[in-house]
Amino acid sequence: MTALELAALDNLVPAEKLDLLERLWTSLLRVPASVPVAPSQLQVVRERLAEHCAAPNDVVDLGDAVESARVGL
């Protein structure tokens, strides 16, 4: 993108910016392996997977999690 095109982003309304973000995200998802992942992020994934494997039944129902989040707002 040119500097002029980037500057035009400031003129977009929030809905247009969100649409652009969604399009960018979708384009990244087409080739997941091309998205860089930091070593620290991989470590967090490994830790969480190990926790889950150690206690696979220690989960929270999605509906309960959503309700808990709503109550906390």
PDB file of N, CA and C in Angstrom:
ATOM      1  N   MET A   1       0.843  -1.184   0.000  1.00  0.00           N
ATOM      2  CA  MET A   1       0.000   0.000   0.000  1.00  0.00           C
ATOM      3  C   MET A   1       0.883   1.239   0.000  1.00  0.00           C
ATOM      4  N   THR A   2       0.409   2.229  -0.673  1.00  0.00           N
ATOM      5  CA  THR A   2       1.139   3.490  -0.696  1.00  0.00           C
ATOM      6  C   THR A   2       0.823   4.280   0.568  1.00  0.00           C
ATOM      7  N   ALA A   3       1.633   5.291   0.834  1.00  0.00           N
ATOM      8  CA  ALA A   3       1.396   6.152   1.989  1.00  0.00           C
ATOM      9  C   ALA A   3       0.042   6.839   1.870  1.00  0.00           C
ATOM     10  N   LEU A   4      -0.342   7.195   0.665  1.00  0.00           N
ATOM     11  CA  LEU A   4      -1.632   7.841   0.443  1.00  0.00           C
ATOM     12  C   LEU A   4      -2.775   6.886   0.766  1.00  0.00           C
ATOM     13  N   GLU A   5      -2.639   5.637   0.360  1.00  0.00           N
ATOM     14  CA  GLU A   5      -3.678   4.640   0.655  1.00  0.00           C
ATOM     15  C   GLU A   5      -3.769   4.380   2.158  1.00  0.00           C
ATOM     16  N   LEU A   6      -2.626   4.318   2.812  1.00  0.00           N
ATOM     17  CA  LEU A   6      -2.626   4.126   4.258  1.00  0.00           C
ATOM     18  C   LEU A   6      -3.269   5.314   4.967  1.00  0.00           C
ATOM     19  N   ALA A   7      -2.997   6.517   4.491  1.00  0.00           N
ATOM     20  CA  ALA A   7      -3.598   7.706   5.095  1.00  0.00           C
ATOM     21  C   ALA A   7      -5.106   7.695   4.917  1.00  0.00           C
ATOM     22  N   ALA A   8      -5.587   7.109   3.840  1.00  0.00           N
ATOM     23  CA  ALA A   8      -7.028   7.054   3.591  1.00  0.00           C
ATOM     24  C   ALA A   8      -7.741   6.179   4.618  1.00  0.00           C
ATOM     25  N   LEU A   9      -7.016   5.295   5.267  1.00  0.00           N
ATOM     26  CA  LEU A   9      -7.632   4.459   6.299  1.00  0.00           C
ATOM     27  C   LEU A   9      -8.235   5.306   7.416  1.00  0.00           C
ATOM     28  N   ASP A  10      -7.622   6.437   7.686  1.00  0.00           N
ATOM     29  CA  ASP A  10      -8.135   7.323   8.733  1.00  0.00           C
ATOM     30  C   ASP A  10      -9.519   7.870   8.392  1.00  0.00           C
ATOM     31  N   ASN A  11      -9.854   7.876   7.115  1.00  0.00           N
ATOM     32  CA  ASN A  11     -11.149   8.421   6.697  1.00  0.00           C
ATOM     33  C   ASN A  11     -12.272   7.389   6.741  1.00  0.00           C
ATOM     34  N   LEU A  12     -11.936   6.140   6.996  1.00  0.00           N
ATOM     35  CA  LEU A  12     -12.950   5.099   7.052  1.00  0.00           C
ATOM     36  C   LEU A  12     -13.748   5.196   8.353  1.00  0.00           C
ATOM     37  N   VAL A  13     -15.022   4.877   8.267  1.00  0.00           N
ATOM     38  CA  VAL A  13     -15.837   4.810   9.481  1.00  0.00           C
ATOM     39  C   VAL A  13     -15.526   3.471  10.160  1.00  0.00           C
ATOM     40  N   PRO A  14     -15.833   3.344  11.448  1.00  0.00           N
ATOM     41  CA  PRO A  14     -15.498   2.112  12.163  1.00  0.00           C
ATOM     42  C   PRO A  14     -15.989   0.834  11.479  1.00  0.00           C
ATOM     43  N   ALA A  15     -17.202   0.836  10.938  1.00  0.00           N
ATOM     44  CA  ALA A  15     -17.720  -0.367  10.277  1.00  0.00           C
ATOM     45  C   ALA A  15     -16.856  -0.753   9.079  1.00  0.00           C
ATOM     46  N   GLU A  16     -16.368   0.240   8.345  1.00  0.00           N
ATOM     47  CA  GLU A  16     -15.509  -0.038   7.185  1.00  0.00           C
ATOM     48  C   GLU A  16     -14.152  -0.577   7.640  1.00  0.00           C
ATOM     49  N   LYS A  17     -13.641  -0.044   8.747  1.00  0.00           N
ATOM     50  CA  LYS A  17     -12.366  -0.521   9.275  1.00  0.00           C
ATOM     51  C   LYS A  17     -12.494  -1.975   9.736  1.00  0.00           C
ATOM     52  N   LEU A  18     -13.609  -2.289  10.394  1.00  0.00           N
ATOM     53  CA  LEU A  18     -13.831  -3.661  10.833  1.00  0.00           C
ATOM     54  C   LEU A  18     -13.962  -4.599   9.645  1.00  0.00           C
ATOM     55  N   ASP A  19     -14.622  -4.164   8.597  1.00  0.00           N
ATOM     56  CA  ASP A  19     -14.744  -4.983   7.394  1.00  0.00           C
ATOM     57  C   ASP A  19     -13.368  -5.249   6.792  1.00  0.00           C
ATOM     58  N   LEU A  20     -12.547  -4.226   6.756  1.00  0.00           N
ATOM     59  CA  LEU A  20     -11.192  -4.382   6.224  1.00  0.00           C
ATOM     60  C   LEU A  20     -10.385  -5.359   7.078  1.00  0.00           C
ATOM     61  N   LEU A  21     -10.507  -5.227   8.392  1.00  0.00           N
ATOM     62  CA  LEU A  21      -9.814  -6.158   9.281  1.00  0.00           C
ATOM     63  C   LEU A  21     -10.265  -7.592   9.043  1.00  0.00           C
ATOM     64  N   GLU A  22     -11.554  -7.785   8.869  1.00  0.00           N
ATOM     65  CA  GLU A  22     -12.080  -9.129   8.613  1.00  0.00           C
ATOM     66  C   GLU A  22     -11.526  -9.684   7.313  1.00  0.00           C
ATOM     67  N   ARG A  23     -11.445  -8.856   6.289  1.00  0.00           N
ATOM     68  CA  ARG A  23     -10.892  -9.307   5.011  1.00  0.00           C
ATOM     69  C   ARG A  23      -9.412  -9.668   5.138  1.00  0.00           C
ATOM     70  N   LEU A  24      -8.663  -8.859   5.902  1.00  0.00           N
ATOM     71  CA  LEU A  24      -7.248  -9.158   6.121  1.00  0.00           C
ATOM     72  C   LEU A  24      -7.090 -10.464   6.886  1.00  0.00           C
ATOM     73  N   TRP A  25      -7.885 -10.651   7.934  1.00  0.00           N
ATOM     74  CA  TRP A  25      -7.817 -11.862   8.731  1.00  0.00           C
ATOM     75  C   TRP A  25      -8.131 -13.090   7.868  1.00  0.00           C
ATOM     76  N   THR A  26      -9.171 -12.977   7.048  1.00  0.00           N
ATOM     77  CA  THR A  26      -9.560 -14.078   6.176  1.00  0.00           C
ATOM     78  C   THR A  26      -8.434 -14.418   5.209  1.00  0.00           C
ATOM     79  N   SER A  27      -7.763 -13.392   4.706  1.00  0.00           N
ATOM     80  CA  SER A  27      -6.665 -13.654   3.769  1.00  0.00           C
ATOM     81  C   SER A  27      -5.511 -14.365   4.466  1.00  0.00           C
ATOM     82  N   LEU A  28      -5.271 -14.056   5.745  1.00  0.00           N
ATOM     83  CA  LEU A  28      -4.223 -14.744   6.495  1.00  0.00           C
ATOM     84  C   LEU A  28      -4.590 -16.202   6.748  1.00  0.00           C
ATOM     85  N   LEU A  29      -5.867 -16.453   6.958  1.00  0.00           N
ATOM     86  CA  LEU A  29      -6.315 -17.819   7.240  1.00  0.00           C
ATOM     87  C   LEU A  29      -6.177 -18.754   6.050  1.00  0.00           C
ATOM     88  N   ARG A  30      -6.054 -18.203   4.871  1.00  0.00           N
ATOM     89  CA  ARG A  30      -5.903 -19.055   3.682  1.00  0.00           C
ATOM     90  C   ARG A  30      -4.605 -19.849   3.721  1.00  0.00           C
ATOM     91  N   VAL A  31      -3.580 -19.297   4.360  1.00  0.00           N
ATOM     92  CA  VAL A  31      -2.282 -19.975   4.468  1.00  0.00           C
ATOM     93  C   VAL A  31      -1.799 -19.812   5.914  1.00  0.00           C
ATOM     94  N   PRO A  32      -2.369 -20.598   6.833  1.00  0.00           N
ATOM     95  CA  PRO A  32      -2.030 -20.432   8.253  1.00  0.00           C
ATOM     96  C   PRO A  32      -0.537 -20.570   8.550  1.00  0.00           C
ATOM     97  N   ALA A  33       0.141 -21.413   7.800  1.00  0.00           N
ATOM     98  CA  ALA A  33       1.568 -21.623   8.054  1.00  0.00           C
ATOM     99  C   ALA A  33       2.408 -20.378   7.774  1.00  0.00           C
ATOM    100  N   SER A  34       1.851 -19.431   7.046  1.00  0.00           N
ATOM    101  CA  SER A  34       2.600 -18.213   6.730  1.00  0.00           C
ATOM    102  C   SER A  34       2.528 -17.175   7.854  1.00  0.00           C
ATOM    103  N   VAL A  35       1.668 -17.399   8.832  1.00  0.00           N
ATOM    104  CA  VAL A  35       1.529 -16.449   9.932  1.00  0.00           C
ATOM    105  C   VAL A  35       2.597 -16.766  10.972  1.00  0.00           C
ATOM    106  N   PRO A  36       3.457 -15.801  11.258  1.00  0.00           N
ATOM    107  CA  PRO A  36       4.519 -16.060  12.227  1.00  0.00           C
ATOM    108  C   PRO A  36       3.954 -16.211  13.643  1.00  0.00           C
ATOM    109  N   VAL A  37       4.529 -17.158  14.382  1.00  0.00           N
ATOM    110  CA  VAL A  37       4.149 -17.374  15.766  1.00  0.00           C
ATOM    111  C   VAL A  37       5.420 -17.268  16.600  1.00  0.00           C
ATOM    112  N   ALA A  38       5.368 -16.394  17.598  1.00  0.00           N
ATOM    113  CA  ALA A  38       6.539 -16.186  18.451  1.00  0.00           C
ATOM    114  C   ALA A  38       6.784 -17.409  19.326  1.00  0.00           C
ATOM    115  N   PRO A  39       8.045 -17.685  19.651  1.00  0.00           N
ATOM    116  CA  PRO A  39       8.350 -18.817  20.530  1.00  0.00           C
ATOM    117  C   PRO A  39       7.581 -18.753  21.857  1.00  0.00           C
ATOM    118  N   SER A  40       7.391 -17.565  22.385  1.00  0.00           N
ATOM    119  CA  SER A  40       6.655 -17.431  23.650  1.00  0.00           C
ATOM    120  C   SER A  40       5.194 -17.846  23.477  1.00  0.00           C
ATOM    121  N   GLN A  41       4.618 -17.576  22.316  1.00  0.00           N
ATOM    122  CA  GLN A  41       3.242 -17.979  22.052  1.00  0.00           C
ATOM    123  C   GLN A  41       3.148 -19.505  21.943  1.00  0.00           C
ATOM    124  N   LEU A  42       4.118 -20.113  21.281  1.00  0.00           N
ATOM    125  CA  LEU A  42       4.153 -21.573  21.176  1.00  0.00           C
ATOM    126  C   LEU A  42       4.288 -22.214  22.554  1.00  0.00           C
ATOM    127  N   GLN A  43       5.075 -21.597  23.413  1.00  0.00           N
ATOM    128  CA  GLN A  43       5.251 -22.123  24.766  1.00  0.00           C
ATOM    129  C   GLN A  43       3.932 -22.100  25.535  1.00  0.00           C
ATOM    130  N   VAL A  44       3.174 -21.033  25.403  1.00  0.00           N
ATOM    131  CA  VAL A  44       1.868 -20.943  26.067  1.00  0.00           C
ATOM    132  C   VAL A  44       0.943 -22.044  25.553  1.00  0.00           C
ATOM    133  N   VAL A  45       0.937 -22.267  24.246  1.00  0.00           N
ATOM    134  CA  VAL A  45       0.104 -23.325  23.668  1.00  0.00           C
ATOM    135  C   VAL A  45       0.517 -24.677  24.230  1.00  0.00           C
ATOM    136  N   ARG A  46       1.820 -24.936  24.291  1.00  0.00           N
ATOM    137  CA  ARG A  46       2.301 -26.217  24.828  1.00  0.00           C
ATOM    138  C   ARG A  46       1.871 -26.397  26.286  1.00  0.00           C
ATOM    139  N   GLU A  47       1.996 -25.328  27.076  1.00  0.00           N
ATOM    140  CA  GLU A  47       1.618 -25.401  28.496  1.00  0.00           C
ATOM    141  C   GLU A  47       0.120 -25.684  28.643  1.00  0.00           C
ATOM    142  N   ARG A  48      -0.685 -24.992  27.868  1.00  0.00           N
ATOM    143  CA  ARG A  48      -2.136 -25.187  27.969  1.00  0.00           C
ATOM    144  C   ARG A  48      -2.550 -26.568  27.486  1.00  0.00           C
ATOM    145  N   LEU A  49      -1.898 -27.059  26.452  1.00  0.00           N
ATOM    146  CA  LEU A  49      -2.198 -28.405  25.975  1.00  0.00           C
ATOM    147  C   LEU A  49      -1.819 -29.438  27.023  1.00  0.00           C
ATOM    148  N   ALA A  50      -0.671 -29.250  27.674  1.00  0.00           N
ATOM    149  CA  ALA A  50      -0.246 -30.175  28.728  1.00  0.00           C
ATOM    150  C   ALA A  50      -1.228 -30.156  29.889  1.00  0.00           C
ATOM    151  N   GLU A  51      -1.713 -28.967  30.263  1.00  0.00           N
ATOM    152  CA  GLU A  51      -2.708 -28.858  31.332  1.00  0.00           C
ATOM    153  C   GLU A  51      -3.982 -29.605  30.944  1.00  0.00           C
ATOM    154  N   HIS A  52      -4.409 -29.447  29.716  1.00  0.00           N
ATOM    155  CA  HIS A  52      -5.620 -30.119  29.258  1.00  0.00           C
ATOM    156  C   HIS A  52      -5.420 -31.635  29.242  1.00  0.00           C
ATOM    157  N   CYS A  53      -4.284 -32.097  28.749  1.00  0.00           N
ATOM    158  CA  CYS A  53      -4.025 -33.532  28.697  1.00  0.00           C
ATOM    159  C   CYS A  53      -3.964 -34.134  30.098  1.00  0.00           C
ATOM    160  N   ALA A  54      -3.481 -33.357  31.073  1.00  0.00           N
ATOM    161  CA  ALA A  54      -3.391 -33.841  32.448  1.00  0.00           C
ATOM    162  C   ALA A  54      -4.769 -33.943  33.096  1.00  0.00           C
ATOM    163  N   ALA A  55      -5.709 -33.103  32.686  1.00  0.00           N
ATOM    164  CA  ALA A  55      -7.057 -33.107  33.274  1.00  0.00           C
ATOM    165  C   ALA A  55      -8.085 -32.788  32.190  1.00  0.00           C
ATOM    166  N   PRO A  56      -8.311 -33.725  31.258  1.00  0.00           N
ATOM    167  CA  PRO A  56      -9.191 -33.440  30.118  1.00  0.00           C
ATOM    168  C   PRO A  56     -10.649 -33.181  30.488  1.00  0.00           C
ATOM    169  N   ASN A  57     -11.076 -33.623  31.663  1.00  0.00           N
ATOM    170  CA  ASN A  57     -12.461 -33.392  32.073  1.00  0.00           C
ATOM    171  C   ASN A  57     -12.646 -32.110  32.877  1.00  0.00           C
ATOM    172  N   ASP A  58     -11.560 -31.412  33.134  1.00  0.00           N
ATOM    173  CA  ASP A  58     -11.607 -30.161  33.896  1.00  0.00           C
ATOM    174  C   ASP A  58     -11.866 -29.004  32.929  1.00  0.00           C
ATOM    175  N   VAL A  59     -13.115 -28.935  32.469  1.00  0.00           N
ATOM    176  CA  VAL A  59     -13.488 -27.931  31.479  1.00  0.00           C
ATOM    177  C   VAL A  59     -14.713 -27.156  31.952  1.00  0.00           C
ATOM    178  N   VAL A  60     -14.958 -26.046  31.305  1.00  0.00           N
ATOM    179  CA  VAL A  60     -16.132 -25.229  31.589  1.00  0.00           C
ATOM    180  C   VAL A  60     -17.004 -25.227  30.347  1.00  0.00           C
ATOM    181  N   ASP A  61     -18.272 -25.474  30.533  1.00  0.00           N
ATOM    182  CA  ASP A  61     -19.236 -25.434  29.439  1.00  0.00           C
ATOM    183  C   ASP A  61     -19.239 -24.035  28.815  1.00  0.00           C
ATOM    184  N   LEU A  62     -19.326 -23.960  27.498  1.00  0.00           N
ATOM    185  CA  LEU A  62     -19.309 -22.674  26.803  1.00  0.00           C
ATOM    186  C   LEU A  62     -20.410 -21.753  27.320  1.00  0.00           C
ATOM    187  N   GLY A  63     -21.606 -22.272  27.485  1.00  0.00           N
ATOM    188  CA  GLY A  63     -22.711 -21.452  27.985  1.00  0.00           C
ATOM    189  C   GLY A  63     -22.416 -20.877  29.355  1.00  0.00           C
ATOM    190  N   ASP A  64     -21.808 -21.686  30.229  1.00  0.00           N
ATOM    191  CA  ASP A  64     -21.438 -21.199  31.562  1.00  0.00           C
ATOM    192  C   ASP A  64     -20.369 -20.111  31.468  1.00  0.00           C
ATOM    193  N   ALA A  65     -19.414 -20.292  30.583  1.00  0.00           N
ATOM    194  CA  ALA A  65     -18.351 -19.303  30.419  1.00  0.00           C
ATOM    195  C   ALA A  65     -18.911 -17.987  29.914  1.00  0.00           C
ATOM    196  N   VAL A  66     -19.825 -18.051  28.954  1.00  0.00           N
ATOM    197  CA  VAL A  66     -20.430 -16.835  28.411  1.00  0.00           C
ATOM    198  C   VAL A  66     -21.237 -16.134  29.495  1.00  0.00           C
ATOM    199  N   GLU A  67     -22.014 -16.892  30.251  1.00  0.00           N
ATOM    200  CA  GLU A  67     -22.821 -16.302  31.324  1.00  0.00           C
ATOM    201  C   GLU A  67     -21.921 -15.660  32.380  1.00  0.00           C
ATOM    202  N   SER A  68     -20.838 -16.336  32.725  1.00  0.00           N
ATOM    203  CA  SER A  68     -19.906 -15.794  33.707  1.00  0.00           C
ATOM    204  C   SER A  68     -19.290 -14.489  33.208  1.00  0.00           C
ATOM    205  N   ALA A  69     -18.978 -14.439  31.926  1.00  0.00           N
ATOM    206  CA  ALA A  69     -18.412 -13.214  31.348  1.00  0.00           C
ATOM    207  C   ALA A  69     -19.423 -12.078  31.383  1.00  0.00           C
ATOM    208  N   ARG A  70     -20.671 -12.404  31.089  1.00  0.00           N
ATOM    209  CA  ARG A  70     -21.724 -11.373  31.100  1.00  0.00           C
ATOM    210  C   ARG A  70     -21.935 -10.819  32.515  1.00  0.00           C
ATOM    211  N   VAL A  71     -21.917 -11.700  33.493  1.00  0.00           N
ATOM    212  CA  VAL A  71     -22.123 -11.276  34.874  1.00  0.00           C
ATOM    213  C   VAL A  71     -20.974 -10.353  35.307  1.00  0.00           C
ATOM    214  N   GLY A  72     -19.786 -10.644  34.820  1.00  0.00           N
ATOM    215  CA  GLY A  72     -18.627  -9.846  35.172  1.00  0.00           C
ATOM    216  C   GLY A  72     -18.573  -8.477  34.540  1.00  0.00           C
ATOM    217  N   LEU A  73     -19.440  -8.225  33.566  1.00  0.00           N
ATOM    218  CA  LEU A  73     -19.421  -6.924  32.881  1.00  0.00           C
ATOM    219  C   LEU A  73     -20.078  -5.868  33.695  1.00  0.00           C
TER     220      LEU A  73
END
